[in-house]
Amino acid sequence: MIQQIIILLVGFIFLVKGADWFVDGAASIAKKMGIPQLIIGLTIVAMGTSMPEAAVSITAAMQQNAGITIGNVVGSNILNIFIILGITALITNVKIQKSTIRYEIPFMIFITIILMIFGMTDMKITFIEGVFLWILFIAYLVYLFIMARNSETQEEEKDIPVWKCLLFILIGGILVVKGSDFAVSGASAIARYFGMSERFIGLTIVAFGTSLPELVTSVTAAKRGNAGIAIGNIVGSNIFNILFVIGTTSLICSVPFESKFMIDSMIAVIAGLVLWFGTMKHQELRKPCGIVMLLCYGLYFMYLCLM
C-alpha cells in the first residue's frame, strides 16, 4: 500500500511539473506570436493545465477503469471553481472580462448540462456523443480564433529562446503522460484496497491531483495581477475537460456514467451558476463570493463522505 501511495504521489508530481513546463513553453511561443493574454489563458494555458485530466482519463479508459473518467473531469471542474477560484478570490479581487461573463461561463454551464443529458439517456457517453462533443469543441476553438483576431495584443514579458520553449513542451508532455499512468495505477490500487468506488476516488483524490496545475497557475497569475489568465484558465480548462477530455475518451471507448454522477454534474452546474451570478454585477470575483465557493465545496465534500 505504501508503494501505491508513493506511485500516486510521484504521478501527481510528474503531472504538475510536466504541465508547468508545457504551459511555460507554449505560452512563451504564443507571446512571441503576439497572442493576447486572455486568449493564452483560454486556450494554451487551459489546454496545458487540462493535460493531466486528459492523460489520466484516456489512460483510465485504456486500462478499463473508465469509471474514473467522469469522476475525474466533473470533480476537477467542481474543484476548479469552488476551491481554486475560491482561494484566488481570498488572495485578491479578480476582474473578469465581459466576454467571459457573456459567453464562456454560460457555455461552460451549457455543456455541463449537455453532459448530464448524455449520461442520463443510456448511462454512458457513447462514440456518437463523443463526436458531438468534439463538434462543440471545434466550434469553441473557432470562437476563440475570431475573438483573438479582434483583441489587442499584449507585450512580451520575458524572452525564452524558441528551442528552450520546444524542449519544455516536449519534456512536459512526456512527464504528463508518465505521471498519468502512475496516478491511475496508484489511485486504482488504493481504491481497491480500501473498498472505495472509482467514482469517489475520481471525484476526490484524482480530481485534486489533476487540478493542481490549475491551482498553481491561477493563484500565481492572480498574485502577479494577470487576471485574464487566472479566470480564463479555469473557465477554459473546465470547457476543455468536458469537450476535449470526455469527448476524446468516448471516441476510444464508451464512458460509464453512474446514476450518482447526476448529482455531481448538478453540483458542477451550480458551481458555474455561483461563479456567473457572483461576478455579474461588479464584473469581478470578490472575497465574499470566494468564501461562498469554499463553503459550498465543504458541503459537497461532506455529501461525498456520507454517500
C-alpha atoms as a PDB file:
ATOM      1  CA  MET A   1       0.000   0.000   0.000  1.00  0.00           C
ATOM      2  CA  ILE A   2       2.870   2.409   0.828  1.00  0.00           C
ATOM      3  CA  GLN A   3       4.322   1.644  -2.595  1.00  0.00           C
ATOM      4  CA  GLN A   4       0.999   2.530  -4.279  1.00  0.00           C
ATOM      5  CA  ILE A   5       0.781   5.823  -2.342  1.00  0.00           C
ATOM      6  CA  ILE A   6       4.335   6.673  -3.445  1.00  0.00           C
ATOM      7  CA  ILE A   7       3.426   5.835  -7.067  1.00  0.00           C
ATOM      8  CA  LEU A   8       0.351   8.093  -6.801  1.00  0.00           C
ATOM      9  CA  LEU A   9       2.386  10.989  -5.355  1.00  0.00           C
ATOM     10  CA  VAL A  10       5.135  10.597  -7.978  1.00  0.00           C
ATOM     11  CA  GLY A  11       2.416  10.596 -10.630  1.00  0.00           C
ATOM     12  CA  PHE A  12       0.996  13.870  -9.292  1.00  0.00           C
ATOM     13  CA  ILE A  13       4.482  15.447  -9.156  1.00  0.00           C
ATOM     14  CA  PHE A  14       5.111  14.443 -12.777  1.00  0.00           C
ATOM     15  CA  LEU A  15       1.681  15.798 -13.768  1.00  0.00           C
ATOM     16  CA  VAL A  16       2.187  19.166 -12.076  1.00  0.00           C
ATOM     17  CA  LYS A  17       5.772  19.715 -13.211  1.00  0.00           C
ATOM     18  CA  GLY A  18       5.080  18.413 -16.685  1.00  0.00           C
ATOM     19  CA  ALA A  19       2.045  20.663 -17.134  1.00  0.00           C
ATOM     20  CA  ASP A  20       4.025  23.614 -15.735  1.00  0.00           C
ATOM     21  CA  TRP A  21       6.842  23.184 -18.265  1.00  0.00           C
ATOM     22  CA  PHE A  22       4.377  22.573 -21.092  1.00  0.00           C
ATOM     23  CA  VAL A  23       2.491  25.783 -20.260  1.00  0.00           C
ATOM     24  CA  ASP A  24       5.709  27.823 -19.930  1.00  0.00           C
ATOM     25  CA  GLY A  25       6.932  26.672 -23.326  1.00  0.00           C
ATOM     26  CA  ALA A  26       3.608  27.018 -25.130  1.00  0.00           C
ATOM     27  CA  ALA A  27       2.680  30.369 -23.564  1.00  0.00           C
ATOM     28  CA  SER A  28       6.126  31.830 -24.409  1.00  0.00           C
ATOM     29  CA  ILE A  29       5.785  30.824 -28.053  1.00  0.00           C
ATOM     30  CA  ALA A  30       2.252  32.293 -28.104  1.00  0.00           C
ATOM     31  CA  LYS A  31       3.513  35.607 -26.698  1.00  0.00           C
ATOM     32  CA  LYS A  32       6.207  35.736 -29.386  1.00  0.00           C
ATOM     33  CA  MET A  33       3.384  35.447 -31.939  1.00  0.00           C
ATOM     34  CA  GLY A  34       1.550  38.392 -30.327  1.00  0.00           C
ATOM     35  CA  ILE A  35      -1.422  36.403 -28.985  1.00  0.00           C
ATOM     36  CA  PRO A  36      -3.386  38.288 -26.239  1.00  0.00           C
ATOM     37  CA  GLN A  37      -3.178  37.205 -22.583  1.00  0.00           C
ATOM     38  CA  LEU A  38      -6.871  36.263 -22.373  1.00  0.00           C
ATOM     39  CA  ILE A  39      -6.587  34.002 -25.431  1.00  0.00           C
ATOM     40  CA  ILE A  40      -3.472  32.357 -23.971  1.00  0.00           C
ATOM     41  CA  GLY A  41      -5.449  31.689 -20.788  1.00  0.00           C
ATOM     42  CA  LEU A  42      -8.477  30.305 -22.606  1.00  0.00           C
ATOM     43  CA  THR A  43      -6.509  28.071 -24.968  1.00  0.00           C
ATOM     44  CA  ILE A  44      -2.856  27.228 -24.353  1.00  0.00           C
ATOM     45  CA  VAL A  45      -2.785  27.539 -20.559  1.00  0.00           C
ATOM     46  CA  ALA A  46      -6.224  25.920 -20.261  1.00  0.00           C
ATOM     47  CA  MET A  47      -5.257  23.048 -22.549  1.00  0.00           C
ATOM     48  CA  GLY A  48      -1.901  22.658 -20.803  1.00  0.00           C
ATOM     49  CA  THR A  49      -3.430  22.563 -17.326  1.00  0.00           C
ATOM     50  CA  SER A  50      -6.107  20.175 -18.654  1.00  0.00           C
ATOM     51  CA  MET A  51      -3.421  17.785 -19.890  1.00  0.00           C
ATOM     52  CA  PRO A  52      -3.408  15.847 -16.576  1.00  0.00           C
ATOM     53  CA  GLU A  53      -7.186  15.310 -16.795  1.00  0.00           C
ATOM     54  CA  ALA A  54      -6.869  14.254 -20.433  1.00  0.00           C
ATOM     55  CA  ALA A  55      -3.942  11.922 -19.816  1.00  0.00           C
ATOM     56  CA  VAL A  56      -5.491  10.370 -16.685  1.00  0.00           C
ATOM     57  CA  SER A  57      -8.932   9.913 -18.273  1.00  0.00           C
ATOM     58  CA  ILE A  58      -7.644   8.381 -21.504  1.00  0.00           C
ATOM     59  CA  THR A  59      -5.200   6.158 -19.589  1.00  0.00           C
ATOM     60  CA  ALA A  60      -8.007   5.054 -17.242  1.00  0.00           C
ATOM     61  CA  ALA A  61     -10.243   4.201 -20.195  1.00  0.00           C
ATOM     62  CA  MET A  62      -7.493   2.167 -21.873  1.00  0.00           C
ATOM     63  CA  GLN A  63      -6.868   0.325 -18.579  1.00  0.00           C
ATOM     64  CA  GLN A  64     -10.599  -0.494 -18.295  1.00  0.00           C
ATOM     65  CA  ASN A  65     -11.001   1.943 -15.374  1.00  0.00           C
ATOM     66  CA  ALA A  66     -13.273   4.290 -17.328  1.00  0.00           C
ATOM     67  CA  GLY A  67     -15.359   4.914 -14.188  1.00  0.00           C
ATOM     68  CA  ILE A  68     -12.578   7.267 -13.102  1.00  0.00           C
ATOM     69  CA  THR A  69     -13.046   9.385 -16.257  1.00  0.00           C
ATOM     70  CA  ILE A  70     -16.344  11.156 -15.408  1.00  0.00           C
ATOM     71  CA  GLY A  71     -15.393  11.479 -11.732  1.00  0.00           C
ATOM     72  CA  ASN A  72     -12.034  12.992 -12.654  1.00  0.00           C
ATOM     73  CA  VAL A  73     -13.491  15.565 -15.061  1.00  0.00           C
ATOM     74  CA  VAL A  74     -16.609  16.533 -13.079  1.00  0.00           C
ATOM     75  CA  GLY A  75     -14.650  16.504  -9.805  1.00  0.00           C
ATOM     76  CA  SER A  76     -11.919  18.677 -11.325  1.00  0.00           C
ATOM     77  CA  ASN A  77     -14.463  21.160 -12.703  1.00  0.00           C
ATOM     78  CA  ILE A  78     -16.100  21.491  -9.268  1.00  0.00           C
ATOM     79  CA  LEU A  79     -12.694  21.849  -7.584  1.00  0.00           C
ATOM     80  CA  ASN A  80     -11.554  24.401 -10.162  1.00  0.00           C
ATOM     81  CA  ILE A  81     -14.419  26.770  -9.349  1.00  0.00           C
ATOM     82  CA  PHE A  82     -15.180  26.194  -5.672  1.00  0.00           C
ATOM     83  CA  ILE A  83     -11.638  25.619  -4.373  1.00  0.00           C
ATOM     84  CA  ILE A  84      -9.239  27.255  -6.836  1.00  0.00           C
ATOM     85  CA  LEU A  85     -11.265  30.373  -7.653  1.00  0.00           C
ATOM     86  CA  GLY A  86     -12.403  30.462  -4.019  1.00  0.00           C
ATOM     87  CA  ILE A  87      -8.794  30.572  -2.814  1.00  0.00           C
ATOM     88  CA  THR A  88      -7.832  33.027  -5.576  1.00  0.00           C
ATOM     89  CA  ALA A  89     -10.659  35.383  -4.511  1.00  0.00           C
ATOM     90  CA  LEU A  90      -9.372  35.349  -0.909  1.00  0.00           C
ATOM     91  CA  ILE A  91      -5.956  36.472  -2.159  1.00  0.00           C
ATOM     92  CA  THR A  92      -7.153  39.315  -4.373  1.00  0.00           C
ATOM     93  CA  ASN A  93     -10.179  40.685  -6.223  1.00  0.00           C
ATOM     94  CA  VAL A  94     -10.030  39.269  -9.730  1.00  0.00           C
ATOM     95  CA  LYS A  95     -11.517  41.196 -12.643  1.00  0.00           C
ATOM     96  CA  ILE A  96     -13.409  39.178 -15.235  1.00  0.00           C
ATOM     97  CA  GLN A  97     -13.563  40.010 -18.930  1.00  0.00           C
ATOM     98  CA  LYS A  98     -17.011  40.880 -20.346  1.00  0.00           C
ATOM     99  CA  SER A  99     -16.692  38.085 -22.909  1.00  0.00           C
ATOM    100  CA  THR A 100     -16.093  35.555 -20.119  1.00  0.00           C
ATOM    101  CA  ILE A 101     -19.306  36.580 -18.328  1.00  0.00           C
ATOM    102  CA  ARG A 102     -21.379  36.865 -21.522  1.00  0.00           C
ATOM    103  CA  TYR A 103     -20.166  33.824 -23.430  1.00  0.00           C
ATOM    104  CA  GLU A 104     -17.618  31.478 -21.825  1.00  0.00           C
ATOM    105  CA  ILE A 105     -19.258  30.913 -18.413  1.00  0.00           C
ATOM    106  CA  PRO A 106     -22.752  30.349 -19.916  1.00  0.00           C
ATOM    107  CA  PHE A 107     -21.183  27.993 -22.491  1.00  0.00           C
ATOM    108  CA  MET A 108     -19.435  26.085 -19.693  1.00  0.00           C
ATOM    109  CA  ILE A 109     -22.782  25.679 -17.870  1.00  0.00           C
ATOM    110  CA  PHE A 110     -24.495  24.668 -21.134  1.00  0.00           C
ATOM    111  CA  ILE A 111     -22.037  21.865 -21.974  1.00  0.00           C
ATOM    112  CA  THR A 112     -22.205  20.559 -18.391  1.00  0.00           C
ATOM    113  CA  ILE A 113     -25.971  20.225 -18.835  1.00  0.00           C
ATOM    114  CA  ILE A 114     -25.363  18.519 -22.204  1.00  0.00           C
ATOM    115  CA  LEU A 115     -23.055  16.042 -20.418  1.00  0.00           C
ATOM    116  CA  MET A 116     -25.833  15.326 -17.879  1.00  0.00           C
ATOM    117  CA  ILE A 117     -28.348  14.690 -20.668  1.00  0.00           C
ATOM    118  CA  PHE A 118     -25.959  12.359 -22.500  1.00  0.00           C
ATOM    119  CA  GLY A 119     -25.231  10.438 -19.298  1.00  0.00           C
ATOM    120  CA  MET A 120     -28.905  10.235 -18.367  1.00  0.00           C
ATOM    121  CA  THR A 121     -30.018   8.736 -21.702  1.00  0.00           C
ATOM    122  CA  ASP A 122     -28.208   5.377 -21.551  1.00  0.00           C
ATOM    123  CA  MET A 123     -25.916   5.746 -18.505  1.00  0.00           C
ATOM    124  CA  LYS A 124     -22.802   6.101 -20.657  1.00  0.00           C
ATOM    125  CA  ILE A 125     -21.155   8.544 -23.043  1.00  0.00           C
ATOM    126  CA  THR A 126     -21.120   6.857 -26.447  1.00  0.00           C
ATOM    127  CA  PHE A 127     -18.987   7.289 -29.566  1.00  0.00           C
ATOM    128  CA  ILE A 128     -21.681   9.391 -31.318  1.00  0.00           C
ATOM    129  CA  GLU A 129     -21.979  11.657 -28.272  1.00  0.00           C
ATOM    130  CA  GLY A 130     -18.190  11.961 -28.250  1.00  0.00           C
ATOM    131  CA  VAL A 131     -18.323  13.130 -31.880  1.00  0.00           C
ATOM    132  CA  PHE A 132     -20.942  15.756 -30.896  1.00  0.00           C
ATOM    133  CA  LEU A 133     -18.701  16.966 -28.032  1.00  0.00           C
ATOM    134  CA  TRP A 134     -15.818  17.274 -30.499  1.00  0.00           C
ATOM    135  CA  ILE A 135     -18.004  19.318 -32.874  1.00  0.00           C
ATOM    136  CA  LEU A 136     -18.752  21.706 -29.988  1.00  0.00           C
ATOM    137  CA  PHE A 137     -15.026  21.735 -29.161  1.00  0.00           C
ATOM    138  CA  ILE A 138     -14.108  22.759 -32.720  1.00  0.00           C
ATOM    139  CA  ALA A 139     -16.842  25.433 -32.666  1.00  0.00           C
ATOM    140  CA  TYR A 140     -15.369  26.754 -29.405  1.00  0.00           C
ATOM    141  CA  LEU A 141     -11.885  26.926 -30.959  1.00  0.00           C
ATOM    142  CA  VAL A 142     -13.316  28.853 -33.926  1.00  0.00           C
ATOM    143  CA  TYR A 143     -14.954  31.297 -31.498  1.00  0.00           C
ATOM    144  CA  LEU A 144     -11.608  31.781 -29.710  1.00  0.00           C
ATOM    145  CA  PHE A 145      -9.837  32.322 -33.023  1.00  0.00           C
ATOM    146  CA  ILE A 146     -12.349  35.024 -34.006  1.00  0.00           C
ATOM    147  CA  MET A 147     -12.016  36.651 -30.567  1.00  0.00           C
ATOM    148  CA  ALA A 148      -8.216  36.562 -30.847  1.00  0.00           C
ATOM    149  CA  ARG A 149      -8.322  38.447 -34.147  1.00  0.00           C
ATOM    150  CA  ASN A 150     -10.481  41.160 -32.562  1.00  0.00           C
ATOM    151  CA  SER A 151      -8.326  41.518 -29.425  1.00  0.00           C
ATOM    152  CA  GLU A 152      -5.387  43.776 -28.789  1.00  0.00           C
ATOM    153  CA  THR A 153      -2.031  42.078 -28.401  1.00  0.00           C
ATOM    154  CA  GLN A 154      -0.004  42.063 -25.205  1.00  0.00           C
ATOM    155  CA  GLU A 155       3.668  42.900 -24.898  1.00  0.00           C
ATOM    156  CA  GLU A 156       6.064  40.061 -24.351  1.00  0.00           C
ATOM    157  CA  GLU A 157       7.042  39.655 -20.677  1.00  0.00           C
ATOM    158  CA  LYS A 158      10.187  37.536 -20.967  1.00  0.00           C
ATOM    159  CA  ASP A 159      12.277  36.261 -23.837  1.00  0.00           C
ATOM    160  CA  ILE A 160      12.742  32.492 -23.751  1.00  0.00           C
ATOM    161  CA  PRO A 161      14.582  31.039 -26.775  1.00  0.00           C
ATOM    162  CA  VAL A 162      12.350  29.046 -29.127  1.00  0.00           C
ATOM    163  CA  TRP A 163      14.471  25.903 -28.766  1.00  0.00           C
ATOM    164  CA  LYS A 164      14.036  26.029 -24.991  1.00  0.00           C
ATOM    165  CA  CYS A 165      10.263  26.541 -25.370  1.00  0.00           C
ATOM    166  CA  LEU A 166      10.044  23.456 -27.602  1.00  0.00           C
ATOM    167  CA  LEU A 167      12.167  21.470 -25.135  1.00  0.00           C
ATOM    168  CA  PHE A 168       9.828  22.494 -22.278  1.00  0.00           C
ATOM    169  CA  ILE A 169       6.809  21.370 -24.326  1.00  0.00           C
ATOM    170  CA  LEU A 170       8.414  18.004 -25.177  1.00  0.00           C
ATOM    171  CA  ILE A 171       9.662  17.154 -21.660  1.00  0.00           C
ATOM    172  CA  GLY A 172       6.442  18.484 -20.102  1.00  0.00           C
ATOM    173  CA  GLY A 173       4.342  16.299 -22.362  1.00  0.00           C
ATOM    174  CA  ILE A 174       6.378  13.179 -21.537  1.00  0.00           C
ATOM    175  CA  LEU A 175       6.105  13.847 -17.784  1.00  0.00           C
ATOM    176  CA  VAL A 176       2.337  14.352 -18.029  1.00  0.00           C
ATOM    177  CA  VAL A 177       1.815  11.081 -19.889  1.00  0.00           C
ATOM    178  CA  LYS A 178       4.018   9.096 -17.490  1.00  0.00           C
ATOM    179  CA  GLY A 179       2.539  10.854 -14.460  1.00  0.00           C
ATOM    180  CA  SER A 180      -0.990   9.990 -15.568  1.00  0.00           C
ATOM    181  CA  ASP A 181      -0.031   6.319 -15.821  1.00  0.00           C
ATOM    182  CA  PHE A 182       1.356   6.368 -12.261  1.00  0.00           C
ATOM    183  CA  ALA A 183      -1.640   8.344 -10.917  1.00  0.00           C
ATOM    184  CA  VAL A 184      -4.247   5.971 -12.370  1.00  0.00           C
ATOM    185  CA  SER A 185      -2.370   2.847 -11.264  1.00  0.00           C
ATOM    186  CA  GLY A 186      -1.819   4.158  -7.729  1.00  0.00           C
ATOM    187  CA  ALA A 187      -5.337   5.556  -7.308  1.00  0.00           C
ATOM    188  CA  SER A 188      -6.999   2.377  -8.593  1.00  0.00           C
ATOM    189  CA  ALA A 189      -4.920   0.179  -6.275  1.00  0.00           C
ATOM    190  CA  ILE A 190      -5.709   2.392  -3.247  1.00  0.00           C
ATOM    191  CA  ALA A 191      -9.422   2.386  -4.141  1.00  0.00           C
ATOM    192  CA  ARG A 192      -9.484  -1.411  -4.312  1.00  0.00           C
ATOM    193  CA  TYR A 193      -7.539  -1.755  -1.045  1.00  0.00           C
ATOM    194  CA  PHE A 194      -9.935   0.472   0.939  1.00  0.00           C
ATOM    195  CA  GLY A 195     -13.056  -0.692  -0.896  1.00  0.00           C
ATOM    196  CA  MET A 196     -13.717   2.797  -2.304  1.00  0.00           C
ATOM    197  CA  SER A 197     -15.595   3.244  -5.563  1.00  0.00           C
ATOM    198  CA  GLU A 198     -13.880   4.554  -8.692  1.00  0.00           C
ATOM    199  CA  ARG A 199     -16.425   7.396  -8.591  1.00  0.00           C
ATOM    200  CA  PHE A 200     -15.308   8.563  -5.124  1.00  0.00           C
ATOM    201  CA  ILE A 201     -11.592   8.359  -5.845  1.00  0.00           C
ATOM    202  CA  GLY A 202     -12.081  10.071  -9.215  1.00  0.00           C
ATOM    203  CA  LEU A 203     -14.101  12.903  -7.654  1.00  0.00           C
ATOM    204  CA  THR A 204     -11.667  13.494  -4.800  1.00  0.00           C
ATOM    205  CA  ILE A 205      -8.060  12.233  -4.897  1.00  0.00           C
ATOM    206  CA  VAL A 206      -7.580  12.066  -8.676  1.00  0.00           C
ATOM    207  CA  ALA A 207      -9.582  15.267  -9.250  1.00  0.00           C
ATOM    208  CA  PHE A 208      -7.470  17.151  -6.712  1.00  0.00           C
ATOM    209  CA  GLY A 209      -4.206  15.812  -8.110  1.00  0.00           C
ATOM    210  CA  THR A 210      -5.062  16.698 -11.705  1.00  0.00           C
ATOM    211  CA  SER A 211      -6.343  20.142 -10.614  1.00  0.00           C
ATOM    212  CA  LEU A 212      -3.012  21.078  -9.000  1.00  0.00           C
ATOM    213  CA  PRO A 213      -1.729  22.776 -12.193  1.00  0.00           C
ATOM    214  CA  GLU A 214      -4.856  24.963 -12.300  1.00  0.00           C
ATOM    215  CA  LEU A 215      -4.384  25.849  -8.635  1.00  0.00           C
ATOM    216  CA  VAL A 216      -0.722  26.807  -9.053  1.00  0.00           C
ATOM    217  CA  THR A 217      -1.345  28.672 -12.331  1.00  0.00           C
ATOM    218  CA  SER A 218      -4.381  30.648 -11.126  1.00  0.00           C
ATOM    219  CA  VAL A 219      -3.005  31.637  -7.717  1.00  0.00           C
ATOM    220  CA  THR A 220       0.342  32.665  -9.266  1.00  0.00           C
ATOM    221  CA  ALA A 221      -1.408  34.625 -12.031  1.00  0.00           C
ATOM    222  CA  ALA A 222      -3.676  36.379  -9.521  1.00  0.00           C
ATOM    223  CA  LYS A 223      -0.751  37.366  -7.289  1.00  0.00           C
ATOM    224  CA  ARG A 224       1.061  38.782 -10.332  1.00  0.00           C
ATOM    225  CA  GLY A 225      -2.030  40.702 -11.409  1.00  0.00           C
ATOM    226  CA  ASN A 226      -2.612  38.657 -14.576  1.00  0.00           C
ATOM    227  CA  ALA A 227      -6.369  38.351 -14.010  1.00  0.00           C
ATOM    228  CA  GLY A 228      -7.022  37.413 -17.627  1.00  0.00           C
ATOM    229  CA  ILE A 229      -5.057  34.203 -17.210  1.00  0.00           C
ATOM    230  CA  ALA A 230      -6.392  33.469 -13.700  1.00  0.00           C
ATOM    231  CA  ILE A 231     -10.073  33.397 -14.694  1.00  0.00           C
ATOM    232  CA  GLY A 232      -9.630  32.417 -18.336  1.00  0.00           C
ATOM    233  CA  ASN A 233      -7.540  29.439 -17.238  1.00  0.00           C
ATOM    234  CA  ILE A 234     -10.284  27.972 -15.032  1.00  0.00           C
ATOM    235  CA  VAL A 235     -13.227  28.583 -17.364  1.00  0.00           C
ATOM    236  CA  GLY A 236     -11.242  27.426 -20.393  1.00  0.00           C
ATOM    237  CA  SER A 237      -9.945  24.387 -18.524  1.00  0.00           C
ATOM    238  CA  ASN A 238     -13.468  23.333 -17.492  1.00  0.00           C
ATOM    239  CA  ILE A 239     -14.659  23.642 -21.095  1.00  0.00           C
ATOM    240  CA  PHE A 240     -11.670  21.633 -22.345  1.00  0.00           C
ATOM    241  CA  ASN A 241     -12.264  18.989 -19.672  1.00  0.00           C
ATOM    242  CA  ILE A 242     -15.767  18.209 -20.915  1.00  0.00           C
ATOM    243  CA  LEU A 243     -15.432  18.723 -24.661  1.00  0.00           C
ATOM    244  CA  PHE A 244     -11.880  17.511 -25.261  1.00  0.00           C
ATOM    245  CA  VAL A 245     -11.213  15.062 -22.414  1.00  0.00           C
ATOM    246  CA  ILE A 246     -14.582  13.274 -22.260  1.00  0.00           C
ATOM    247  CA  GLY A 247     -15.102  13.724 -25.996  1.00  0.00           C
ATOM    248  CA  THR A 248     -11.759  12.095 -26.819  1.00  0.00           C
ATOM    249  CA  THR A 249     -12.121   9.338 -24.212  1.00  0.00           C
ATOM    250  CA  SER A 250     -15.575   8.376 -25.512  1.00  0.00           C
ATOM    251  CA  LEU A 251     -14.130   8.046 -29.016  1.00  0.00           C
ATOM    252  CA  ILE A 252     -11.819   5.343 -27.612  1.00  0.00           C
ATOM    253  CA  CYS A 253     -14.481   3.504 -25.606  1.00  0.00           C
ATOM    254  CA  SER A 254     -17.916   4.135 -24.085  1.00  0.00           C
ATOM    255  CA  VAL A 255     -17.531   6.005 -20.788  1.00  0.00           C
ATOM    256  CA  PRO A 256     -19.719   4.675 -17.917  1.00  0.00           C
ATOM    257  CA  PHE A 257     -21.961   7.294 -16.317  1.00  0.00           C
ATOM    258  CA  GLU A 258     -23.232   6.066 -12.931  1.00  0.00           C
ATOM    259  CA  SER A 259     -26.595   7.424 -11.744  1.00  0.00           C
ATOM    260  CA  LYS A 260     -24.823   9.119  -8.822  1.00  0.00           C
ATOM    261  CA  PHE A 261     -22.858  11.228 -11.310  1.00  0.00           C
ATOM    262  CA  MET A 262     -26.108  13.123 -11.963  1.00  0.00           C
ATOM    263  CA  ILE A 263     -25.778  14.741  -8.518  1.00  0.00           C
ATOM    264  CA  ASP A 264     -22.103  15.567  -9.141  1.00  0.00           C
ATOM    265  CA  SER A 265     -22.927  17.050 -12.557  1.00  0.00           C
ATOM    266  CA  MET A 266     -25.688  19.154 -10.974  1.00  0.00           C
ATOM    267  CA  ILE A 267     -23.138  20.424  -8.433  1.00  0.00           C
ATOM    268  CA  ALA A 268     -20.847  21.343 -11.361  1.00  0.00           C
ATOM    269  CA  VAL A 269     -23.743  23.312 -12.915  1.00  0.00           C
ATOM    270  CA  ILE A 270     -24.409  25.031  -9.560  1.00  0.00           C
ATOM    271  CA  ALA A 271     -20.693  25.901  -9.317  1.00  0.00           C
ATOM    272  CA  GLY A 272     -20.900  27.582 -12.724  1.00  0.00           C
ATOM    273  CA  LEU A 273     -24.030  29.497 -11.685  1.00  0.00           C
ATOM    274  CA  VAL A 274     -22.373  30.680  -8.443  1.00  0.00           C
ATOM    275  CA  LEU A 275     -19.407  31.981 -10.465  1.00  0.00           C
ATOM    276  CA  TRP A 276     -21.710  33.589 -13.053  1.00  0.00           C
ATOM    277  CA  PHE A 277     -24.126  35.346 -10.681  1.00  0.00           C
ATOM    278  CA  GLY A 278     -21.380  36.131  -8.162  1.00  0.00           C
ATOM    279  CA  THR A 279     -19.371  38.107 -10.724  1.00  0.00           C
ATOM    280  CA  MET A 280     -22.084  39.523 -12.989  1.00  0.00           C
ATOM    281  CA  LYS A 281     -22.798  42.725 -11.026  1.00  0.00           C
ATOM    282  CA  HIS A 282     -19.253  44.028 -10.478  1.00  0.00           C
ATOM    283  CA  GLN A 283     -17.533  42.060 -13.271  1.00  0.00           C
ATOM    284  CA  GLU A 284     -15.121  40.972 -10.564  1.00  0.00           C
ATOM    285  CA  LEU A 285     -14.588  37.941  -8.365  1.00  0.00           C
ATOM    286  CA  ARG A 286     -14.519  39.233  -4.787  1.00  0.00           C
ATOM    287  CA  LYS A 287     -13.766  37.776  -1.363  1.00  0.00           C
ATOM    288  CA  PRO A 288     -17.435  37.210  -0.269  1.00  0.00           C
ATOM    289  CA  CYS A 289     -18.050  35.114  -3.386  1.00  0.00           C
ATOM    290  CA  GLY A 290     -14.811  33.213  -2.690  1.00  0.00           C
ATOM    291  CA  ILE A 291     -15.996  32.395   0.843  1.00  0.00           C
ATOM    292  CA  VAL A 292     -19.342  31.137  -0.533  1.00  0.00           C
ATOM    293  CA  MET A 293     -17.458  28.935  -3.007  1.00  0.00           C
ATOM    294  CA  LEU A 294     -15.290  27.360  -0.302  1.00  0.00           C
ATOM    295  CA  LEU A 295     -18.326  26.751   1.939  1.00  0.00           C
ATOM    296  CA  CYS A 296     -20.167  25.119  -0.988  1.00  0.00           C
ATOM    297  CA  TYR A 297     -17.269  22.733  -1.567  1.00  0.00           C
ATOM    298  CA  GLY A 298     -17.175  21.899   2.134  1.00  0.00           C
ATOM    299  CA  LEU A 299     -20.858  20.865   1.988  1.00  0.00           C
ATOM    300  CA  TYR A 300     -20.258  18.886  -1.204  1.00  0.00           C
ATOM    301  CA  PHE A 301     -17.300  17.023   0.328  1.00  0.00           C
ATOM    302  CA  MET A 302     -19.427  16.142   3.373  1.00  0.00           C
ATOM    303  CA  TYR A 303     -22.025  14.706   0.988  1.00  0.00           C
ATOM    304  CA  LEU A 304     -19.342  12.584  -0.723  1.00  0.00           C
ATOM    305  CA  CYS A 305     -18.085  11.250   2.611  1.00  0.00           C
ATOM    306  CA  LEU A 306     -21.598  10.307   3.741  1.00  0.00           C
ATOM    307  CA  MET A 307     -22.585   8.583   0.493  1.00  0.00           C
END
